[in-house]
Amino acid sequence: MSDFAKKWSQEYDKNFQSLKGKDSPKGAEIDAVTKSAAPLLKALTAIDKIDPAKKSAGKEREKACAELEKEAKNFTTAAAKFSKAIDEAVKKTSKTASKGAYRALKSLRAQLNDLNARMEQHLSDAAKTGNAGDAKKGGDDAKPLKALGQFSTAVKTAATKVKVGVQTIKSTPTPATYNEVMKEAGKKYTKLFTDLLKLSKDSKCPAEVKTLLKGLDKHSADLAAYGGGNKSTAPKAASEKEVLALLKSFVKVLKETYAYAEKVQEYLKKNKTK
């Protein structure tokens, strides 16, 4: 079963004290954030209790999928309200006078983006439950296209996690924070693009896709450096300035490589995977 509620509660509780801290603004905007948190947690708790994969195939599984779809709509509504509340609070919160609250709000906004991406993946996986036995279509020629579909789905989640990590490092620019983010989020993101680069060299990869990915190889060195190489960790003695410099360089790589992911996503809208 999923554990969305538990993970979200941990992230929310981590930032809640800052929202209610001494320097936090006492306006209606902050109250709206805390008020809209309850419905979101309720929706996540309901989703966590539903697991179509554990139901017998047939009507039981169809019923579970229908229940999940219903709760997913509740989540979407709750997440939208929470998002709106946070965005309004960010506008009204001073970066300097209420530094702690501002960082907490930005962190929660990034965490919400991550939650939305993970939920999208979860619902996609649930929809596919029970389809593993379907006949394969297209043979070997369809493998690269299928791999592109898997990349397109996974990269959304990976990119969102990295963005959350970037905000975390900006909030606490220490070597320890940088290393923790890069060990998980950074490594997963760079591996996806390293695999995409390999796929672009596959003889069975569609020519049109090869054209779309032309130029990605110029980022291979950076992908290796941030994916486990010399830029994947910051020295223990690194200053705040040095950590932020590493981060700035990484963000540049993120922007330039994700442009290729967007090309893949556009291509797949017209060329569905099987």
Protein backbone atom coordinates (compact mmCIF):
# COMPACT_ATOMS: atom_id res chain seq x y z
CA MET A 1 0.00 0.00 0.00
CA SER A 2 1.06 3.60 -0.53
CA ASP A 3 2.20 5.89 2.27
CA PHE A 4 1.39 9.34 0.89
CA ALA A 5 -0.22 10.56 4.13
CA LYS A 6 2.75 9.60 6.30
CA LYS A 7 5.33 11.23 4.04
CA TRP A 8 3.27 14.37 3.53
CA SER A 9 2.68 14.72 7.29
CA GLN A 10 6.42 14.53 7.91
CA GLU A 11 7.11 17.29 5.39
CA TYR A 12 4.25 19.47 6.63
CA ASP A 13 5.16 19.08 10.30
CA LYS A 14 8.77 19.94 9.45
CA ASN A 15 7.66 23.31 8.08
CA PHE A 16 4.69 24.00 10.35
CA GLN A 17 6.74 25.48 13.19
CA SER A 18 8.25 28.03 10.82
CA LEU A 19 4.78 29.03 9.64
CA LYS A 20 3.83 29.75 13.24
CA GLY A 21 7.22 31.14 14.29
CA LYS A 22 7.93 34.53 15.82
CA ASP A 23 8.75 36.13 12.48
CA SER A 24 5.78 34.62 10.67
CA PRO A 25 3.11 37.01 9.40
CA LYS A 26 -0.16 36.70 11.27
CA GLY A 27 -2.46 37.37 8.32
CA ALA A 28 -5.30 35.35 6.86
CA GLU A 29 -3.00 33.93 4.19
CA ILE A 30 -1.06 31.75 6.65
CA ASP A 31 -4.30 30.66 8.31
CA ALA A 32 -5.61 29.61 4.88
CA VAL A 33 -2.57 27.37 4.39
CA THR A 34 -2.99 25.59 7.71
CA LYS A 35 -6.76 25.31 7.22
CA SER A 36 -6.45 23.75 3.76
CA ALA A 37 -3.90 21.20 5.00
CA ALA A 38 -6.51 19.02 6.74
CA PRO A 39 -8.59 18.14 3.63
CA LEU A 40 -5.41 17.31 1.74
CA LEU A 41 -4.24 14.93 4.46
CA LYS A 42 -7.70 13.35 4.60
CA ALA A 43 -7.64 12.63 0.86
CA LEU A 44 -4.16 11.13 1.08
CA THR A 45 -5.19 8.91 3.99
CA ALA A 46 -8.13 7.58 1.98
CA ILE A 47 -5.92 6.84 -1.03
CA ASP A 48 -3.43 4.97 1.13
CA LYS A 49 -6.15 2.53 2.16
CA ILE A 50 -6.90 1.48 -1.43
CA ASP A 51 -4.72 -1.06 -3.21
CA PRO A 52 -6.24 -2.52 -6.41
CA ALA A 53 -3.26 -4.84 -6.82
CA LYS A 54 -4.31 -6.77 -3.71
CA LYS A 55 -7.82 -7.37 -5.04
CA SER A 56 -8.79 -10.39 -7.09
CA ALA A 57 -9.04 -9.74 -10.80
CA GLY A 58 -12.50 -8.86 -12.04
CA LYS A 59 -15.22 -6.93 -10.24
CA GLU A 60 -13.29 -6.59 -6.95
CA ARG A 61 -10.36 -4.98 -8.67
CA GLU A 62 -12.62 -2.79 -10.82
CA LYS A 63 -14.39 -1.61 -7.67
CA ALA A 64 -11.07 -0.75 -6.01
CA CYS A 65 -9.95 1.16 -9.10
CA ALA A 66 -13.22 3.10 -9.10
CA GLU A 67 -12.77 3.95 -5.42
CA LEU A 68 -9.22 5.09 -6.10
CA GLU A 69 -10.40 7.27 -8.97
CA LYS A 70 -13.00 8.88 -6.71
CA GLU A 71 -10.50 9.62 -3.95
CA ALA A 72 -8.02 10.87 -6.54
CA LYS A 73 -10.55 13.55 -7.54
CA ASN A 74 -10.86 14.56 -3.88
CA PHE A 75 -7.08 14.80 -3.72
CA THR A 76 -6.93 16.95 -6.86
CA THR A 77 -9.48 19.36 -5.39
CA ALA A 78 -7.72 19.52 -2.02
CA ALA A 79 -4.28 19.91 -3.60
CA ALA A 80 -5.51 22.76 -5.80
CA LYS A 81 -6.89 24.63 -2.78
CA PHE A 82 -3.72 24.06 -0.81
CA SER A 83 -1.65 25.22 -3.77
CA LYS A 84 -3.69 28.39 -4.13
CA ALA A 85 -3.37 29.12 -0.41
CA ILE A 86 0.41 28.69 -0.50
CA ASP A 87 0.84 30.87 -3.59
CA GLU A 88 -1.19 33.65 -1.99
CA ALA A 89 0.80 33.35 1.24
CA VAL A 90 4.11 33.52 -0.62
CA LYS A 91 3.02 36.79 -2.27
CA LYS A 92 2.15 38.30 1.11
CA THR A 93 5.19 37.03 3.03
CA SER A 94 8.39 39.07 3.17
CA LYS A 95 11.61 37.27 2.21
CA THR A 96 13.49 39.28 4.82
CA ALA A 97 11.12 40.16 7.66
CA SER A 98 9.61 36.66 7.67
CA LYS A 99 12.51 34.66 6.28
CA GLY A 100 11.66 31.42 8.13
CA ALA A 101 8.02 31.41 7.09
CA TYR A 102 8.89 32.34 3.51
CA ARG A 103 11.32 29.42 3.20
CA ALA A 104 8.78 27.07 4.78
CA LEU A 105 6.13 28.11 2.26
CA LYS A 106 8.51 27.68 -0.68
CA SER A 107 9.51 24.28 0.66
CA LEU A 108 5.88 23.19 1.02
CA ARG A 109 5.15 24.41 -2.51
CA ALA A 110 8.01 22.30 -3.84
CA GLN A 111 6.89 19.33 -1.76
CA LEU A 112 3.38 19.69 -3.15
CA ASN A 113 4.76 19.58 -6.69
CA ASP A 114 6.60 16.41 -5.76
CA LEU A 115 3.43 14.95 -4.24
CA ASN A 116 1.45 15.70 -7.41
CA ALA A 117 4.08 13.99 -9.55
CA ARG A 118 4.22 10.91 -7.32
CA MET A 119 0.43 10.71 -7.26
CA GLU A 120 0.29 10.86 -11.05
CA GLN A 121 2.74 7.95 -11.20
CA HIS A 122 0.78 6.01 -8.56
CA LEU A 123 -2.51 6.39 -10.39
CA SER A 124 -0.87 5.43 -13.67
CA ASP A 125 0.55 2.27 -12.11
CA ALA A 126 -2.81 1.39 -10.57
CA ALA A 127 -4.52 1.79 -13.93
CA LYS A 128 -2.09 -0.70 -15.42
CA THR A 129 -2.69 -3.27 -12.68
CA GLY A 130 -3.69 -6.60 -14.13
CA ASN A 131 -2.54 -5.77 -17.65
CA ALA A 132 0.80 -7.55 -17.37
CA GLY A 133 -0.59 -10.58 -19.14
CA ASP A 134 -1.77 -8.68 -22.19
CA ALA A 135 -0.25 -9.75 -25.46
CA LYS A 136 2.82 -7.79 -26.43
CA LYS A 137 2.48 -5.72 -29.55
CA GLY A 138 5.03 -4.55 -32.01
CA GLY A 139 7.81 -7.02 -31.19
CA ASP A 140 11.40 -5.86 -30.78
CA ASP A 141 10.84 -2.78 -32.93
CA ALA A 142 8.47 -1.40 -30.26
CA LYS A 143 11.01 -1.68 -27.42
CA PRO A 144 12.69 1.73 -27.91
CA LEU A 145 9.29 3.44 -28.11
CA LYS A 146 8.14 1.64 -24.97
CA ALA A 147 11.36 2.67 -23.23
CA LEU A 148 10.66 6.28 -24.21
CA GLY A 149 7.23 6.00 -22.63
CA GLN A 150 8.74 4.70 -19.39
CA PHE A 151 11.28 7.52 -19.43
CA SER A 152 8.58 10.14 -20.03
CA THR A 153 6.62 8.93 -17.01
CA ALA A 154 9.59 8.57 -14.68
CA VAL A 155 11.29 11.84 -15.57
CA LYS A 156 8.35 13.94 -14.37
CA THR A 157 8.67 12.51 -10.88
CA ALA A 158 12.47 12.68 -10.93
CA ALA A 159 12.50 16.30 -12.10
CA THR A 160 10.03 17.34 -9.43
CA LYS A 161 12.10 15.65 -6.72
CA VAL A 162 15.18 17.47 -7.96
CA LYS A 163 13.35 20.81 -7.85
CA VAL A 164 12.35 20.08 -4.26
CA GLY A 165 15.99 19.28 -3.56
CA VAL A 166 17.16 22.53 -5.13
CA GLN A 167 14.87 24.50 -2.83
CA THR A 168 16.13 22.49 0.14
CA ILE A 169 19.76 23.30 -0.70
CA LYS A 170 18.93 26.98 -1.20
CA SER A 171 17.29 27.05 2.21
CA THR A 172 20.23 25.27 3.87
CA PRO A 173 23.31 25.59 1.63
CA THR A 174 25.60 23.22 3.53
CA PRO A 175 27.74 20.35 2.16
CA ALA A 176 25.63 17.84 4.11
CA THR A 177 22.37 19.09 2.56
CA TYR A 178 23.84 19.17 -0.92
CA ASN A 179 25.25 15.65 -0.61
CA GLU A 180 21.98 14.25 0.70
CA VAL A 181 19.96 15.73 -2.18
CA MET A 182 22.42 14.64 -4.84
CA LYS A 183 22.70 11.11 -3.44
CA GLU A 184 19.02 10.48 -4.05
CA ALA A 185 17.28 12.99 -6.33
CA GLY A 186 20.32 14.04 -8.33
CA LYS A 187 21.46 10.50 -9.00
CA LYS A 188 18.03 9.31 -10.16
CA TYR A 189 17.58 12.26 -12.48
CA THR A 190 20.99 11.99 -14.11
CA LYS A 191 20.64 8.22 -14.56
CA LEU A 192 17.41 8.68 -16.49
CA PHE A 193 19.13 10.97 -18.97
CA THR A 194 22.18 8.74 -19.19
CA ASP A 195 19.83 5.90 -20.14
CA LEU A 196 18.03 8.16 -22.60
CA LEU A 197 21.36 8.97 -24.20
CA LYS A 198 22.08 5.25 -24.60
CA LEU A 199 18.64 4.75 -26.10
CA SER A 200 19.30 7.48 -28.66
CA LYS A 201 22.27 5.41 -29.89
CA ASP A 202 20.16 2.24 -30.24
CA SER A 203 19.94 1.09 -33.86
CA LYS A 204 16.20 0.44 -33.41
CA CYS A 205 15.47 3.86 -31.99
CA PRO A 206 13.16 5.73 -34.42
CA ALA A 207 15.09 8.13 -36.66
CA GLU A 208 12.74 10.95 -35.70
CA VAL A 209 13.60 10.43 -32.04
CA LYS A 210 17.32 10.37 -32.79
CA THR A 211 16.89 13.77 -34.41
CA LEU A 212 15.00 15.12 -31.40
CA LEU A 213 17.74 13.96 -29.05
CA LYS A 214 20.59 15.27 -31.16
CA GLY A 215 22.84 17.34 -28.92
CA LEU A 216 22.04 15.51 -25.69
CA ASP A 217 25.42 13.82 -25.80
CA LYS A 218 27.14 17.15 -25.11
CA HIS A 219 25.77 16.84 -21.56
CA SER A 220 27.19 13.35 -20.97
CA ALA A 221 30.17 14.64 -18.96
CA ASP A 222 27.97 16.75 -16.68
CA LEU A 223 25.51 13.88 -16.22
CA ALA A 224 28.38 11.67 -15.13
CA ALA A 225 29.84 14.36 -12.86
CA TYR A 226 26.57 14.99 -11.03
CA GLY A 227 25.42 11.38 -11.16
CA GLY A 228 28.22 10.02 -9.01
CA GLY A 229 31.30 11.87 -10.21
CA ASN A 230 33.26 14.78 -8.80
CA LYS A 231 30.28 17.15 -8.66
CA SER A 232 27.89 14.75 -6.93
CA THR A 233 29.26 15.65 -3.49
CA ALA A 234 30.49 18.86 -1.91
CA PRO A 235 33.68 18.82 0.20
CA LYS A 236 33.02 18.89 3.95
CA ALA A 237 34.83 22.20 4.22
CA ALA A 238 32.91 23.81 1.33
CA SER A 239 31.57 27.26 2.12
CA GLU A 240 27.99 28.37 1.54
CA LYS A 241 29.18 30.26 -1.54
CA GLU A 242 30.88 27.16 -2.94
CA VAL A 243 27.81 24.98 -2.34
CA LEU A 244 25.58 27.50 -4.10
CA ALA A 245 28.04 27.63 -7.00
CA LEU A 246 27.79 23.86 -7.42
CA LEU A 247 24.02 24.14 -7.24
CA LYS A 248 23.89 26.92 -9.82
CA SER A 249 25.87 24.80 -12.26
CA PHE A 250 23.60 21.82 -11.62
CA VAL A 251 20.45 23.88 -12.18
CA LYS A 252 21.84 24.89 -15.56
CA VAL A 253 22.28 21.22 -16.47
CA LEU A 254 18.72 20.51 -15.30
CA LYS A 255 17.22 23.19 -17.52
CA GLU A 256 19.21 22.18 -20.59
CA THR A 257 18.59 18.43 -20.28
CA TYR A 258 14.91 18.68 -19.38
CA ALA A 259 14.35 20.44 -22.70
CA TYR A 260 14.97 17.02 -24.28
CA ALA A 261 12.43 15.39 -21.99
CA GLU A 262 9.85 17.89 -23.21
CA LYS A 263 10.66 16.95 -26.80
CA VAL A 264 10.12 13.28 -25.96
CA GLN A 265 6.81 14.06 -24.27
CA GLU A 266 5.58 16.01 -27.30
CA TYR A 267 6.64 13.17 -29.60
CA LEU A 268 4.77 10.61 -27.50
CA LYS A 269 1.55 12.59 -27.69
CA LYS A 270 1.50 11.74 -31.39
CA ASN A 271 3.14 8.34 -31.15
CA LYS A 272 1.57 6.34 -28.35
CA THR A 273 3.55 3.53 -26.77
CA LYS A 274 2.13 0.03 -26.76
